[in-house]
């Protein structure tokens, strides 16, 4: 029997949470799965990081200092750089 191993490249995840324990927990769960985790302590830092980095997923706490998770979402939605189209999706070949 022929066995072919496929290694999927996991993406990058920005985690914004003012609770260090929450950031650390998510990082401990995602890093072994191959994700590059970018933890930040608040919404303002999340917006700054998004301006610098291209990430695949953003996980936001709702209540944070400086900018709430809702405010960060509004900024993401208002920026045409973050518009996702079906041509941006990579489903891969089997």
C-alpha atoms as a PDB file:
ATOM      1  CA  UNK A   1       0.000   0.000   0.000  1.00  0.00           C
ATOM      2  CA  UNK A   2       1.343   3.398  -0.973  1.00  0.00           C
ATOM      3  CA  UNK A   3       1.226   6.029   1.744  1.00  0.00           C
ATOM      4  CA  UNK A   4       1.862   9.630   0.888  1.00  0.00           C
ATOM      5  CA  UNK A   5       2.319  12.152   3.647  1.00  0.00           C
ATOM      6  CA  UNK A   6       0.940  15.638   3.120  1.00  0.00           C
ATOM      7  CA  UNK A   7       2.136  18.350   5.414  1.00  0.00           C
ATOM      8  CA  UNK A   8      -0.206  21.304   5.471  1.00  0.00           C
ATOM      9  CA  UNK A   9       1.259  24.682   6.152  1.00  0.00           C
ATOM     10  CA  UNK A  10      -0.709  26.281   8.929  1.00  0.00           C
ATOM     11  CA  UNK A  11      -1.335  29.998   8.807  1.00  0.00           C
ATOM     12  CA  UNK A  12      -0.678  32.873  11.114  1.00  0.00           C
ATOM     13  CA  UNK A  13      -3.036  33.903  13.904  1.00  0.00           C
ATOM     14  CA  UNK A  14      -3.184  37.295  15.600  1.00  0.00           C
ATOM     15  CA  UNK A  15      -4.520  37.001  19.155  1.00  0.00           C
ATOM     16  CA  UNK A  16      -5.591  40.205  20.894  1.00  0.00           C
ATOM     17  CA  UNK A  17      -6.537  39.840  24.555  1.00  0.00           C
ATOM     18  CA  UNK A  18      -5.701  41.946  27.589  1.00  0.00           C
ATOM     19  CA  UNK A  19      -5.492  38.810  29.739  1.00  0.00           C
ATOM     20  CA  UNK A  20      -2.020  37.296  29.380  1.00  0.00           C
ATOM     21  CA  UNK A  21      -3.287  33.879  30.516  1.00  0.00           C
ATOM     22  CA  UNK A  22      -5.766  33.766  27.609  1.00  0.00           C
ATOM     23  CA  UNK A  23      -3.081  34.707  25.073  1.00  0.00           C
ATOM     24  CA  UNK A  24      -0.702  32.109  26.500  1.00  0.00           C
ATOM     25  CA  UNK A  25      -3.353  29.366  26.472  1.00  0.00           C
ATOM     26  CA  UNK A  26      -4.255  29.986  22.837  1.00  0.00           C
ATOM     27  CA  UNK A  27      -0.585  30.146  21.894  1.00  0.00           C
ATOM     28  CA  UNK A  28       0.066  26.819  23.652  1.00  0.00           C
ATOM     29  CA  UNK A  29      -2.833  25.227  21.776  1.00  0.00           C
ATOM     30  CA  UNK A  30      -2.118  26.654  18.318  1.00  0.00           C
ATOM     31  CA  UNK A  31       1.687  26.613  18.090  1.00  0.00           C
ATOM     32  CA  UNK A  32       2.034  22.783  18.231  1.00  0.00           C
ATOM     33  CA  UNK A  33      -0.519  22.624  15.394  1.00  0.00           C
ATOM     34  CA  UNK A  34       1.881  24.598  13.205  1.00  0.00           C
ATOM     35  CA  UNK A  35       0.323  28.041  13.476  1.00  0.00           C
ATOM     36  CA  UNK A  36       2.451  31.139  13.788  1.00  0.00           C
ATOM     37  CA  UNK A  37       0.893  32.990  16.731  1.00  0.00           C
ATOM     38  CA  UNK A  38       1.214  36.739  17.162  1.00  0.00           C
ATOM     39  CA  UNK A  39      -0.064  37.713  20.636  1.00  0.00           C
ATOM     40  CA  UNK A  40      -0.873  41.352  21.453  1.00  0.00           C
ATOM     41  CA  UNK A  41      -2.254  42.859  24.686  1.00  0.00           C
ATOM     42  CA  UNK A  42      -4.986  45.180  23.356  1.00  0.00           C
ATOM     43  CA  UNK A  43      -6.984  46.397  20.390  1.00  0.00           C
ATOM     44  CA  UNK A  44      -4.646  49.251  19.510  1.00  0.00           C
ATOM     45  CA  UNK A  45      -1.715  46.841  19.323  1.00  0.00           C
ATOM     46  CA  UNK A  46      -3.830  44.551  17.115  1.00  0.00           C
ATOM     47  CA  UNK A  47      -4.469  47.373  14.634  1.00  0.00           C
ATOM     48  CA  UNK A  48      -0.764  48.256  14.629  1.00  0.00           C
ATOM     49  CA  UNK A  49       0.211  44.624  14.036  1.00  0.00           C
ATOM     50  CA  UNK A  50      -2.313  44.284  11.215  1.00  0.00           C
ATOM     51  CA  UNK A  51      -0.679  47.257   9.495  1.00  0.00           C
ATOM     52  CA  UNK A  52       2.708  45.457   9.685  1.00  0.00           C
ATOM     53  CA  UNK A  53       1.813  41.812   9.167  1.00  0.00           C
ATOM     54  CA  UNK A  54      -0.355  39.710   6.932  1.00  0.00           C
ATOM     55  CA  UNK A  55      -2.312  37.256   9.076  1.00  0.00           C
ATOM     56  CA  UNK A  56      -4.792  34.526   8.215  1.00  0.00           C
ATOM     57  CA  UNK A  57      -6.983  34.759  11.301  1.00  0.00           C
ATOM     58  CA  UNK A  58      -7.650  37.325  14.017  1.00  0.00           C
ATOM     59  CA  UNK A  59      -8.966  36.274  17.431  1.00  0.00           C
ATOM     60  CA  UNK A  60     -10.204  39.218  19.473  1.00  0.00           C
ATOM     61  CA  UNK A  61     -11.339  39.651  23.040  1.00  0.00           C
ATOM     62  CA  UNK A  62     -14.391  41.913  23.144  1.00  0.00           C
ATOM     63  CA  UNK A  63     -13.508  44.067  26.146  1.00  0.00           C
ATOM     64  CA  UNK A  64      -9.955  45.425  25.939  1.00  0.00           C
ATOM     65  CA  UNK A  65      -8.284  48.722  26.754  1.00  0.00           C
ATOM     66  CA  UNK A  66      -7.673  51.350  24.050  1.00  0.00           C
ATOM     67  CA  UNK A  67      -9.874  49.664  21.407  1.00  0.00           C
ATOM     68  CA  UNK A  68     -12.495  46.991  21.991  1.00  0.00           C
ATOM     69  CA  UNK A  69     -12.727  43.898  19.842  1.00  0.00           C
ATOM     70  CA  UNK A  70     -15.774  45.436  18.144  1.00  0.00           C
ATOM     71  CA  UNK A  71     -13.826  48.587  17.288  1.00  0.00           C
ATOM     72  CA  UNK A  72     -10.987  46.516  15.841  1.00  0.00           C
ATOM     73  CA  UNK A  73     -13.528  44.609  13.717  1.00  0.00           C
ATOM     74  CA  UNK A  74     -14.970  47.885  12.444  1.00  0.00           C
ATOM     75  CA  UNK A  75     -11.483  49.041  11.400  1.00  0.00           C
ATOM     76  CA  UNK A  76     -10.784  45.751   9.670  1.00  0.00           C
ATOM     77  CA  UNK A  77     -14.085  45.895   7.783  1.00  0.00           C
ATOM     78  CA  UNK A  78     -13.478  49.525   6.771  1.00  0.00           C
ATOM     79  CA  UNK A  79     -10.076  48.741   5.248  1.00  0.00           C
ATOM     80  CA  UNK A  80     -10.256  47.441   1.643  1.00  0.00           C
ATOM     81  CA  UNK A  81      -6.939  45.636   2.194  1.00  0.00           C
ATOM     82  CA  UNK A  82      -8.801  43.032   4.253  1.00  0.00           C
ATOM     83  CA  UNK A  83     -11.612  42.258   1.838  1.00  0.00           C
ATOM     84  CA  UNK A  84     -11.683  38.520   1.130  1.00  0.00           C
ATOM     85  CA  UNK A  85     -12.929  37.200  -2.164  1.00  0.00           C
ATOM     86  CA  UNK A  86     -13.468  33.629  -3.290  1.00  0.00           C
ATOM     87  CA  UNK A  87     -10.341  33.883  -5.454  1.00  0.00           C
ATOM     88  CA  UNK A  88      -8.331  34.480  -2.262  1.00  0.00           C
ATOM     89  CA  UNK A  89      -9.312  31.088  -0.880  1.00  0.00           C
ATOM     90  CA  UNK A  90      -6.896  28.242  -1.442  1.00  0.00           C
ATOM     91  CA  UNK A  91      -8.679  24.938  -1.084  1.00  0.00           C
ATOM     92  CA  UNK A  92      -5.723  22.890  -2.337  1.00  0.00           C
ATOM     93  CA  UNK A  93      -5.783  19.867  -4.559  1.00  0.00           C
ATOM     94  CA  UNK A  94      -6.399  16.322  -3.461  1.00  0.00           C
END
